[in-house]
Amino acid sequence: MKKLKSHLNSRIIQRFQILIIISALFAISIIQTSCNSTGQNVDEEKEVMAALDKFLRAFENGNFETMEASMTNDAYIFPRAIMSNDITKPIENANYRRINGLDPQMKQVINSLRESGKQPPFMKLEPKDLKITMLKEAAIVTFHLENGKSLSRRTIVLAKNDDRWQIVHIHPSNVVSSE
């Protein structure tokens, strides 16, 4: 009987040790997967930032070709709306409906700066309070641009196409302080 008890205790201890080893290996694999996905997200975020930066620098320099190349063929945008107490002309809703491609207002801003004789870069776009939300094959980027009384809010959605991040949607809005 003592031998049987000893043998059973030995088998219980052995199985317990195996269970501990399996649990440890499982925990290690979870930690490695977590670290790998975090590392991958960091790399993906850097790629998203590089794509966004390329688009912003192209806008600063009025390079429409690079801006359009930074967007998918079916990209769309809501034209920039400015919220302010100072309304100088009537608002026409048709001017603010979703459109494909670059916002004509973006081109107007650059073209008017060119016509004034100013040379590129026409402006300095420095995103503030930037936040990137990574999804499987997409990223949502939000940030602010500040210029005196104006607060420009931007939401840009990017998708990964053929190992390249491209803009699929831009939603700009501006708020002008009444102070």
N, C-alpha and C. Protein backbone atom coordinates (compact mmCIF):
# COMPACT_ATOMS: atom_id res chain seq x y z
N MET A 1 0.81 -1.18 0.00
CA MET A 1 0.00 0.00 0.00
C MET A 1 0.86 1.26 0.00
N LYS A 2 1.94 1.23 0.79
CA LYS A 2 2.85 2.38 0.83
C LYS A 2 3.45 2.63 -0.55
N LYS A 3 3.80 1.53 -1.24
CA LYS A 3 4.36 1.67 -2.58
C LYS A 3 3.34 2.28 -3.52
N LEU A 4 2.09 1.87 -3.42
CA LEU A 4 1.04 2.40 -4.27
C LEU A 4 0.83 3.89 -4.01
N LYS A 5 0.79 4.27 -2.74
CA LYS A 5 0.64 5.69 -2.38
C LYS A 5 1.81 6.49 -2.89
N SER A 6 3.00 5.94 -2.70
CA SER A 6 4.21 6.63 -3.15
C SER A 6 4.19 6.79 -4.67
N HIS A 7 3.79 5.73 -5.36
CA HIS A 7 3.72 5.77 -6.82
C HIS A 7 2.66 6.79 -7.28
N LEU A 8 1.48 6.81 -6.63
CA LEU A 8 0.43 7.77 -6.98
C LEU A 8 0.89 9.20 -6.71
N ASN A 9 1.53 9.44 -5.57
CA ASN A 9 2.04 10.77 -5.25
C ASN A 9 3.08 11.20 -6.28
N SER A 10 3.93 10.28 -6.68
CA SER A 10 4.97 10.58 -7.67
C SER A 10 4.32 10.95 -9.01
N ARG A 11 3.27 10.23 -9.43
CA ARG A 11 2.58 10.51 -10.69
C ARG A 11 1.83 11.84 -10.61
N ILE A 12 1.24 12.13 -9.46
CA ILE A 12 0.54 13.40 -9.28
C ILE A 12 1.53 14.55 -9.38
N ILE A 13 2.66 14.42 -8.72
CA ILE A 13 3.70 15.45 -8.77
C ILE A 13 4.20 15.62 -10.21
N GLN A 14 4.41 14.49 -10.88
CA GLN A 14 4.89 14.52 -12.26
C GLN A 14 3.88 15.24 -13.17
N ARG A 15 2.61 14.91 -13.04
CA ARG A 15 1.58 15.56 -13.85
C ARG A 15 1.47 17.04 -13.51
N PHE A 16 1.59 17.37 -12.25
CA PHE A 16 1.55 18.77 -11.82
C PHE A 16 2.71 19.54 -12.45
N GLN A 17 3.92 18.92 -12.48
CA GLN A 17 5.08 19.57 -13.09
C GLN A 17 4.85 19.77 -14.59
N ILE A 18 4.28 18.76 -15.25
CA ILE A 18 3.98 18.88 -16.68
C ILE A 18 2.98 20.01 -16.91
N LEU A 19 1.97 20.08 -16.05
CA LEU A 19 0.97 21.14 -16.16
C LEU A 19 1.62 22.52 -15.98
N ILE A 20 2.54 22.64 -15.06
CA ILE A 20 3.26 23.92 -14.84
C ILE A 20 4.08 24.27 -16.08
N ILE A 21 4.76 23.30 -16.65
CA ILE A 21 5.59 23.55 -17.84
C ILE A 21 4.70 23.99 -19.01
N ILE A 22 3.59 23.29 -19.22
CA ILE A 22 2.67 23.65 -20.30
C ILE A 22 2.12 25.06 -20.08
N SER A 23 1.74 25.36 -18.85
CA SER A 23 1.23 26.70 -18.54
C SER A 23 2.28 27.77 -18.81
N ALA A 24 3.52 27.49 -18.43
CA ALA A 24 4.61 28.46 -18.65
C ALA A 24 4.84 28.68 -20.14
N LEU A 25 4.84 27.58 -20.92
CA LEU A 25 5.03 27.72 -22.36
C LEU A 25 3.89 28.50 -23.00
N PHE A 26 2.67 28.25 -22.54
CA PHE A 26 1.52 28.99 -23.03
C PHE A 26 1.64 30.48 -22.72
N ALA A 27 2.03 30.78 -21.49
CA ALA A 27 2.21 32.18 -21.08
C ALA A 27 3.30 32.85 -21.92
N ILE A 28 4.39 32.15 -22.15
CA ILE A 28 5.49 32.71 -22.96
C ILE A 28 5.01 32.99 -24.38
N SER A 29 4.22 32.05 -24.96
CA SER A 29 3.75 32.27 -26.33
C SER A 29 2.80 33.46 -26.40
N ILE A 30 1.98 33.66 -25.37
CA ILE A 30 1.08 34.83 -25.35
C ILE A 30 1.90 36.11 -25.25
N ILE A 31 2.90 36.12 -24.41
CA ILE A 31 3.75 37.31 -24.25
C ILE A 31 4.47 37.61 -25.55
N GLN A 32 5.02 36.58 -26.22
CA GLN A 32 5.72 36.81 -27.48
C GLN A 32 4.76 37.34 -28.54
N THR A 33 3.57 36.79 -28.63
CA THR A 33 2.58 37.27 -29.61
C THR A 33 2.24 38.72 -29.32
N SER A 34 2.05 39.03 -28.05
CA SER A 34 1.72 40.40 -27.66
C SER A 34 2.85 41.34 -28.03
N CYS A 35 4.08 40.95 -27.75
CA CYS A 35 5.23 41.80 -28.07
C CYS A 35 5.37 41.97 -29.58
N ASN A 36 5.16 40.88 -30.34
CA ASN A 36 5.27 40.98 -31.79
C ASN A 36 4.21 41.91 -32.36
N SER A 37 2.97 41.80 -31.89
CA SER A 37 1.94 42.66 -32.44
C SER A 37 2.16 44.10 -32.03
N THR A 38 2.67 44.34 -30.83
CA THR A 38 2.97 45.70 -30.41
C THR A 38 4.09 46.27 -31.28
N GLY A 39 5.12 45.47 -31.53
CA GLY A 39 6.20 45.91 -32.39
C GLY A 39 5.72 46.19 -33.80
N GLN A 40 4.83 45.34 -34.28
CA GLN A 40 4.27 45.53 -35.62
C GLN A 40 3.45 46.81 -35.65
N ASN A 41 2.66 47.07 -34.62
CA ASN A 41 1.86 48.30 -34.58
C ASN A 41 2.75 49.53 -34.59
N VAL A 42 3.88 49.45 -33.88
CA VAL A 42 4.81 50.58 -33.85
C VAL A 42 5.33 50.84 -35.27
N ASP A 43 5.71 49.77 -35.97
CA ASP A 43 6.19 49.92 -37.35
C ASP A 43 5.09 50.46 -38.26
N GLU A 44 3.88 49.93 -38.10
CA GLU A 44 2.75 50.39 -38.92
C GLU A 44 2.47 51.86 -38.64
N GLU A 45 2.51 52.26 -37.38
CA GLU A 45 2.28 53.67 -37.03
C GLU A 45 3.33 54.57 -37.67
N LYS A 46 4.58 54.11 -37.69
CA LYS A 46 5.64 54.89 -38.34
C LYS A 46 5.36 55.04 -39.83
N GLU A 47 4.88 53.97 -40.47
CA GLU A 47 4.54 54.02 -41.89
C GLU A 47 3.38 54.99 -42.14
N VAL A 48 2.38 54.94 -41.26
CA VAL A 48 1.24 55.85 -41.37
C VAL A 48 1.72 57.29 -41.22
N MET A 49 2.57 57.54 -40.22
CA MET A 49 3.11 58.89 -40.00
C MET A 49 3.90 59.37 -41.21
N ALA A 50 4.67 58.48 -41.82
CA ALA A 50 5.45 58.85 -43.01
C ALA A 50 4.52 59.22 -44.16
N ALA A 51 3.44 58.46 -44.35
CA ALA A 51 2.47 58.76 -45.42
C ALA A 51 1.78 60.10 -45.15
N LEU A 52 1.39 60.33 -43.90
CA LEU A 52 0.75 61.60 -43.54
C LEU A 52 1.72 62.76 -43.74
N ASP A 53 2.94 62.59 -43.29
CA ASP A 53 3.94 63.65 -43.43
C ASP A 53 4.20 63.98 -44.90
N LYS A 54 4.26 62.96 -45.73
CA LYS A 54 4.47 63.18 -47.17
C LYS A 54 3.34 64.03 -47.75
N PHE A 55 2.10 63.72 -47.35
CA PHE A 55 0.94 64.47 -47.83
C PHE A 55 0.99 65.92 -47.33
N LEU A 56 1.29 66.11 -46.04
CA LEU A 56 1.32 67.46 -45.47
C LEU A 56 2.43 68.31 -46.10
N ARG A 57 3.62 67.73 -46.31
CA ARG A 57 4.73 68.49 -46.92
C ARG A 57 4.37 68.83 -48.37
N ALA A 58 3.69 67.92 -49.06
CA ALA A 58 3.26 68.20 -50.44
C ALA A 58 2.27 69.37 -50.45
N PHE A 59 1.37 69.40 -49.46
CA PHE A 59 0.40 70.50 -49.37
C PHE A 59 1.13 71.80 -49.08
N GLU A 60 2.08 71.78 -48.15
CA GLU A 60 2.85 72.99 -47.84
C GLU A 60 3.52 73.57 -49.08
N ASN A 61 3.97 72.67 -49.97
CA ASN A 61 4.70 73.09 -51.17
C ASN A 61 3.83 73.19 -52.41
N GLY A 62 2.52 72.94 -52.25
CA GLY A 62 1.61 73.05 -53.38
C GLY A 62 1.84 72.00 -54.45
N ASN A 63 2.32 70.83 -54.04
CA ASN A 63 2.59 69.76 -54.99
C ASN A 63 1.35 68.87 -55.11
N PHE A 64 0.46 69.25 -56.01
CA PHE A 64 -0.81 68.53 -56.16
C PHE A 64 -0.61 67.08 -56.61
N GLU A 65 0.39 66.83 -57.46
CA GLU A 65 0.65 65.47 -57.94
C GLU A 65 0.95 64.53 -56.78
N THR A 66 1.83 64.97 -55.88
CA THR A 66 2.19 64.13 -54.73
C THR A 66 1.00 63.97 -53.78
N MET A 67 0.22 65.03 -53.62
CA MET A 67 -0.97 64.94 -52.77
C MET A 67 -1.93 63.90 -53.33
N GLU A 68 -2.19 63.97 -54.63
CA GLU A 68 -3.12 63.02 -55.25
C GLU A 68 -2.56 61.60 -55.25
N ALA A 69 -1.25 61.45 -55.40
CA ALA A 69 -0.62 60.13 -55.36
C ALA A 69 -0.68 59.54 -53.94
N SER A 70 -0.85 60.41 -52.95
CA SER A 70 -0.95 59.95 -51.56
C SER A 70 -2.34 59.43 -51.23
N MET A 71 -3.25 59.57 -52.19
CA MET A 71 -4.65 59.19 -51.98
C MET A 71 -5.02 58.02 -52.88
N THR A 72 -5.97 57.21 -52.44
CA THR A 72 -6.48 56.15 -53.32
C THR A 72 -7.28 56.79 -54.45
N ASN A 73 -7.49 56.03 -55.51
CA ASN A 73 -8.25 56.55 -56.66
C ASN A 73 -9.68 56.91 -56.30
N ASP A 74 -10.22 56.23 -55.29
CA ASP A 74 -11.61 56.48 -54.90
C ASP A 74 -11.70 57.26 -53.57
N ALA A 75 -10.63 57.94 -53.21
CA ALA A 75 -10.62 58.73 -51.97
C ALA A 75 -11.66 59.85 -52.04
N TYR A 76 -12.20 60.20 -50.89
CA TYR A 76 -13.18 61.28 -50.85
C TYR A 76 -12.92 62.19 -49.67
N ILE A 77 -13.52 63.36 -49.75
CA ILE A 77 -13.28 64.39 -48.74
C ILE A 77 -14.56 65.19 -48.54
N PHE A 78 -14.75 65.64 -47.32
CA PHE A 78 -15.78 66.64 -47.07
C PHE A 78 -15.08 67.99 -47.17
N PRO A 79 -15.52 68.88 -48.04
CA PRO A 79 -14.88 70.19 -48.13
C PRO A 79 -14.85 70.89 -46.77
N ARG A 80 -13.81 71.63 -46.56
CA ARG A 80 -13.55 72.32 -45.29
C ARG A 80 -14.67 73.31 -44.99
N ALA A 81 -15.21 73.17 -43.80
CA ALA A 81 -16.24 74.10 -43.32
C ALA A 81 -15.65 74.94 -42.20
N ILE A 82 -15.93 76.22 -42.21
CA ILE A 82 -15.42 77.11 -41.16
C ILE A 82 -16.59 77.56 -40.30
N MET A 83 -16.50 77.25 -39.01
CA MET A 83 -17.52 77.68 -38.07
C MET A 83 -17.05 78.96 -37.41
N SER A 84 -17.85 80.00 -37.54
CA SER A 84 -17.47 81.31 -37.01
C SER A 84 -18.71 82.16 -36.82
N ASN A 85 -18.60 83.15 -35.95
CA ASN A 85 -19.68 84.12 -35.78
C ASN A 85 -19.69 85.15 -36.91
N ASP A 86 -18.59 85.22 -37.65
CA ASP A 86 -18.42 86.21 -38.70
C ASP A 86 -18.80 85.60 -40.06
N ILE A 87 -20.07 85.62 -40.38
CA ILE A 87 -20.53 85.08 -41.66
C ILE A 87 -20.67 86.23 -42.64
N THR A 88 -19.82 86.23 -43.67
CA THR A 88 -19.82 87.34 -44.63
C THR A 88 -20.66 87.05 -45.86
N LYS A 89 -20.89 85.77 -46.14
CA LYS A 89 -21.72 85.43 -47.30
C LYS A 89 -22.58 84.22 -46.94
N PRO A 90 -23.67 84.04 -47.64
CA PRO A 90 -24.57 82.92 -47.34
C PRO A 90 -23.87 81.57 -47.53
N ILE A 91 -24.25 80.62 -46.70
CA ILE A 91 -23.69 79.27 -46.81
C ILE A 91 -24.56 78.47 -47.77
N GLU A 92 -23.91 77.86 -48.75
CA GLU A 92 -24.61 77.02 -49.71
C GLU A 92 -24.25 75.57 -49.40
N ASN A 93 -25.24 74.80 -48.95
CA ASN A 93 -25.00 73.41 -48.56
C ASN A 93 -24.33 72.59 -49.65
N ALA A 94 -24.64 72.86 -50.90
CA ALA A 94 -24.06 72.08 -52.01
C ALA A 94 -22.53 72.16 -52.01
N ASN A 95 -21.97 73.23 -51.51
CA ASN A 95 -20.51 73.39 -51.47
C ASN A 95 -19.83 72.53 -50.42
N TYR A 96 -20.62 71.87 -49.58
CA TYR A 96 -20.03 71.12 -48.47
C TYR A 96 -20.38 69.63 -48.51
N ARG A 97 -20.87 69.17 -49.62
CA ARG A 97 -21.16 67.74 -49.77
C ARG A 97 -19.89 66.98 -50.10
N ARG A 98 -19.88 65.71 -49.78
CA ARG A 98 -18.72 64.84 -50.03
C ARG A 98 -18.36 64.87 -51.52
N ILE A 99 -17.05 64.93 -51.80
CA ILE A 99 -16.56 64.90 -53.17
C ILE A 99 -15.41 63.91 -53.27
N ASN A 100 -15.15 63.44 -54.47
CA ASN A 100 -14.00 62.54 -54.70
C ASN A 100 -12.77 63.37 -55.00
N GLY A 101 -11.63 62.87 -54.54
CA GLY A 101 -10.36 63.53 -54.82
C GLY A 101 -10.08 64.70 -53.91
N LEU A 102 -9.16 65.55 -54.34
CA LEU A 102 -8.76 66.71 -53.54
C LEU A 102 -9.86 67.75 -53.47
N ASP A 103 -9.94 68.39 -52.33
CA ASP A 103 -10.90 69.47 -52.12
C ASP A 103 -10.47 70.67 -52.98
N PRO A 104 -11.36 71.19 -53.82
CA PRO A 104 -11.01 72.36 -54.63
C PRO A 104 -10.55 73.54 -53.76
N GLN A 105 -11.05 73.62 -52.53
CA GLN A 105 -10.61 74.70 -51.63
C GLN A 105 -9.12 74.61 -51.34
N MET A 106 -8.60 73.36 -51.23
CA MET A 106 -7.16 73.18 -50.98
C MET A 106 -6.37 73.75 -52.15
N LYS A 107 -6.84 73.47 -53.35
CA LYS A 107 -6.16 73.98 -54.54
C LYS A 107 -6.28 75.50 -54.62
N GLN A 108 -7.45 76.05 -54.26
CA GLN A 108 -7.64 77.50 -54.28
C GLN A 108 -6.67 78.19 -53.33
N VAL A 109 -6.49 77.63 -52.14
CA VAL A 109 -5.57 78.22 -51.16
C VAL A 109 -4.17 78.30 -51.73
N ILE A 110 -3.69 77.18 -52.28
CA ILE A 110 -2.34 77.14 -52.85
C ILE A 110 -2.23 78.07 -54.06
N ASN A 111 -3.19 78.01 -54.95
CA ASN A 111 -3.13 78.84 -56.17
C ASN A 111 -3.15 80.33 -55.83
N SER A 112 -3.93 80.73 -54.82
CA SER A 112 -3.96 82.15 -54.45
C SER A 112 -2.62 82.57 -53.85
N LEU A 113 -1.96 81.67 -53.12
CA LEU A 113 -0.64 81.98 -52.58
C LEU A 113 0.39 82.09 -53.71
N ARG A 114 0.30 81.21 -54.69
CA ARG A 114 1.20 81.28 -55.86
C ARG A 114 1.01 82.60 -56.60
N GLU A 115 -0.25 82.97 -56.81
CA GLU A 115 -0.56 84.21 -57.54
C GLU A 115 -0.06 85.44 -56.80
N SER A 116 0.04 85.36 -55.49
CA SER A 116 0.52 86.50 -54.71
C SER A 116 2.04 86.66 -54.82
N GLY A 117 2.68 85.69 -55.49
CA GLY A 117 4.13 85.77 -55.66
C GLY A 117 4.90 85.03 -54.60
N LYS A 118 4.23 84.48 -53.62
CA LYS A 118 4.89 83.73 -52.56
C LYS A 118 5.49 82.45 -53.14
N GLN A 119 6.62 82.04 -52.58
CA GLN A 119 7.30 80.83 -53.03
C GLN A 119 7.11 79.71 -52.00
N PRO A 120 7.14 78.44 -52.46
CA PRO A 120 7.00 77.32 -51.52
C PRO A 120 8.18 77.27 -50.54
N PRO A 121 7.97 76.76 -49.38
CA PRO A 121 6.71 76.28 -48.83
C PRO A 121 5.79 77.45 -48.50
N PHE A 122 4.52 77.26 -48.83
CA PHE A 122 3.52 78.30 -48.66
C PHE A 122 3.03 78.45 -47.23
N MET A 123 3.20 77.40 -46.46
CA MET A 123 2.75 77.40 -45.06
C MET A 123 3.50 76.31 -44.31
N LYS A 124 3.33 76.29 -43.00
CA LYS A 124 3.94 75.25 -42.17
C LYS A 124 2.80 74.53 -41.45
N LEU A 125 2.62 73.26 -41.76
CA LEU A 125 1.56 72.46 -41.13
C LEU A 125 2.19 71.57 -40.06
N GLU A 126 1.92 71.91 -38.81
CA GLU A 126 2.47 71.15 -37.69
C GLU A 126 1.33 70.55 -36.88
N PRO A 127 1.05 69.26 -37.10
CA PRO A 127 -0.05 68.62 -36.35
C PRO A 127 0.19 68.66 -34.84
N LYS A 128 -0.86 69.03 -34.11
CA LYS A 128 -0.83 69.05 -32.65
C LYS A 128 -1.83 68.01 -32.15
N ASP A 129 -1.56 67.47 -30.97
CA ASP A 129 -2.48 66.50 -30.34
C ASP A 129 -2.81 65.37 -31.31
N LEU A 130 -1.78 64.85 -31.97
CA LEU A 130 -1.96 63.82 -32.98
C LEU A 130 -2.28 62.47 -32.32
N LYS A 131 -3.28 61.79 -32.84
CA LYS A 131 -3.64 60.46 -32.34
C LYS A 131 -3.84 59.55 -33.53
N ILE A 132 -3.22 58.37 -33.45
CA ILE A 132 -3.37 57.35 -34.49
C ILE A 132 -4.06 56.14 -33.87
N THR A 133 -5.13 55.71 -34.51
CA THR A 133 -5.80 54.48 -34.10
C THR A 133 -5.58 53.47 -35.21
N MET A 134 -4.85 52.41 -34.88
CA MET A 134 -4.54 51.38 -35.86
C MET A 134 -5.64 50.32 -35.87
N LEU A 135 -6.09 49.97 -37.06
CA LEU A 135 -7.03 48.87 -37.26
C LEU A 135 -6.28 47.81 -38.07
N LYS A 136 -6.94 46.78 -38.53
CA LYS A 136 -6.22 45.72 -39.26
C LYS A 136 -5.49 46.25 -40.48
N GLU A 137 -6.20 46.79 -41.42
CA GLU A 137 -5.60 47.30 -42.66
C GLU A 137 -5.93 48.77 -42.86
N ALA A 138 -6.23 49.46 -41.75
CA ALA A 138 -6.59 50.88 -41.83
C ALA A 138 -6.07 51.62 -40.61
N ALA A 139 -6.01 52.92 -40.72
CA ALA A 139 -5.60 53.77 -39.60
C ALA A 139 -6.45 55.04 -39.63
N ILE A 140 -6.82 55.47 -38.45
CA ILE A 140 -7.56 56.73 -38.31
C ILE A 140 -6.63 57.70 -37.60
N VAL A 141 -6.39 58.84 -38.23
CA VAL A 141 -5.48 59.84 -37.67
C VAL A 141 -6.29 61.11 -37.40
N THR A 142 -6.17 61.63 -36.19
CA THR A 142 -6.80 62.91 -35.87
C THR A 142 -5.74 63.85 -35.32
N PHE A 143 -5.90 65.13 -35.62
CA PHE A 143 -4.97 66.13 -35.10
C PHE A 143 -5.57 67.51 -35.27
N HIS A 144 -4.90 68.49 -34.67
CA HIS A 144 -5.30 69.90 -34.78
C HIS A 144 -4.17 70.67 -35.46
N LEU A 145 -4.55 71.72 -36.15
CA LEU A 145 -3.60 72.71 -36.67
C LEU A 145 -4.04 74.04 -36.08
N GLU A 146 -3.11 74.78 -35.50
CA GLU A 146 -3.45 76.04 -34.87
C GLU A 146 -2.87 77.20 -35.65
N ASN A 147 -3.68 78.25 -35.81
CA ASN A 147 -3.23 79.43 -36.52
C ASN A 147 -3.98 80.63 -35.94
N GLY A 148 -3.40 81.26 -34.96
CA GLY A 148 -4.05 82.41 -34.33
C GLY A 148 -5.36 82.02 -33.68
N LYS A 149 -6.45 82.66 -34.12
CA LYS A 149 -7.78 82.37 -33.56
C LYS A 149 -8.41 81.12 -34.18
N SER A 150 -7.80 80.60 -35.20
CA SER A 150 -8.36 79.46 -35.92
C SER A 150 -7.82 78.13 -35.39
N LEU A 151 -8.73 77.20 -35.15
CA LEU A 151 -8.38 75.83 -34.78
C LEU A 151 -8.89 74.93 -35.89
N SER A 152 -7.96 74.31 -36.60
CA SER A 152 -8.31 73.42 -37.70
C SER A 152 -8.26 71.99 -37.18
N ARG A 153 -9.37 71.28 -37.32
CA ARG A 153 -9.45 69.90 -36.86
C ARG A 153 -9.43 68.99 -38.08
N ARG A 154 -8.65 67.93 -37.99
CA ARG A 154 -8.52 67.02 -39.13
C ARG A 154 -8.70 65.57 -38.68
N THR A 155 -9.46 64.83 -39.49
CA THR A 155 -9.54 63.38 -39.36
C THR A 155 -9.19 62.83 -40.73
N ILE A 156 -8.19 61.97 -40.74
CA ILE A 156 -7.73 61.37 -42.00
C ILE A 156 -7.73 59.86 -41.82
N VAL A 157 -8.37 59.17 -42.75
CA VAL A 157 -8.42 57.71 -42.72
C VAL A 157 -7.50 57.20 -43.82
N LEU A 158 -6.62 56.28 -43.45
CA LEU A 158 -5.69 55.69 -44.41
C LEU A 158 -5.92 54.19 -44.48
N ALA A 159 -5.66 53.61 -45.64
CA ALA A 159 -5.76 52.16 -45.82
C ALA A 159 -4.45 51.68 -46.42
N LYS A 160 -4.10 50.45 -46.07
CA LYS A 160 -2.89 49.87 -46.62
C LYS A 160 -3.23 49.14 -47.91
N ASN A 161 -2.66 49.62 -49.01
CA ASN A 161 -2.87 49.04 -50.34
C ASN A 161 -1.51 48.67 -50.92
N ASP A 162 -1.34 47.39 -51.26
CA ASP A 162 -0.08 46.94 -51.85
C ASP A 162 1.12 47.39 -51.01
N ASP A 163 1.07 47.15 -49.70
CA ASP A 163 2.14 47.50 -48.77
C ASP A 163 2.42 49.00 -48.71
N ARG A 164 1.45 49.81 -49.04
CA ARG A 164 1.62 51.27 -49.04
C ARG A 164 0.39 51.91 -48.41
N TRP A 165 0.62 52.83 -47.46
CA TRP A 165 -0.49 53.53 -46.81
C TRP A 165 -0.94 54.69 -47.68
N GLN A 166 -2.25 54.75 -47.95
CA GLN A 166 -2.82 55.83 -48.75
C GLN A 166 -4.06 56.39 -48.06
N ILE A 167 -4.32 57.64 -48.32
CA ILE A 167 -5.48 58.32 -47.75
C ILE A 167 -6.74 57.90 -48.50
N VAL A 168 -7.78 57.51 -47.73
CA VAL A 168 -9.06 57.17 -48.35
C VAL A 168 -10.13 58.20 -48.01
N HIS A 169 -9.90 58.97 -46.94
CA HIS A 169 -10.89 59.98 -46.55
C HIS A 169 -10.23 61.08 -45.71
N ILE A 170 -10.67 62.31 -45.96
CA ILE A 170 -10.24 63.46 -45.17
C ILE A 170 -11.49 64.20 -44.73
N HIS A 171 -11.53 64.51 -43.44
CA HIS A 171 -12.65 65.31 -42.92
C HIS A 171 -12.06 66.51 -42.17
N PRO A 172 -12.03 67.68 -42.81
CA PRO A 172 -11.52 68.89 -42.16
C PRO A 172 -12.66 69.75 -41.62
N SER A 173 -12.40 70.42 -40.53
CA SER A 173 -13.32 71.44 -40.05
C SER A 173 -12.51 72.49 -39.28
N ASN A 174 -12.93 73.71 -39.40
CA ASN A 174 -12.21 74.81 -38.74
C ASN A 174 -13.17 75.55 -37.82
N VAL A 175 -12.63 75.96 -36.70
CA VAL A 175 -13.40 76.75 -35.74
C VAL A 175 -12.61 78.03 -35.50
N VAL A 176 -13.28 79.16 -35.60
CA VAL A 176 -12.63 80.45 -35.34
C VAL A 176 -13.16 80.99 -34.03
N SER A 177 -12.26 81.29 -33.13
CA SER A 177 -12.64 81.80 -31.82
C SER A 177 -13.29 83.17 -31.93
N SER A 178 -14.30 83.39 -31.11
CA SER A 178 -14.97 84.69 -31.12
C SER A 178 -14.28 85.67 -30.16
N GLU A 179 -13.28 85.22 -29.48
CA GLU A 179 -12.56 86.09 -28.53
C GLU A 179 -11.49 86.89 -29.21
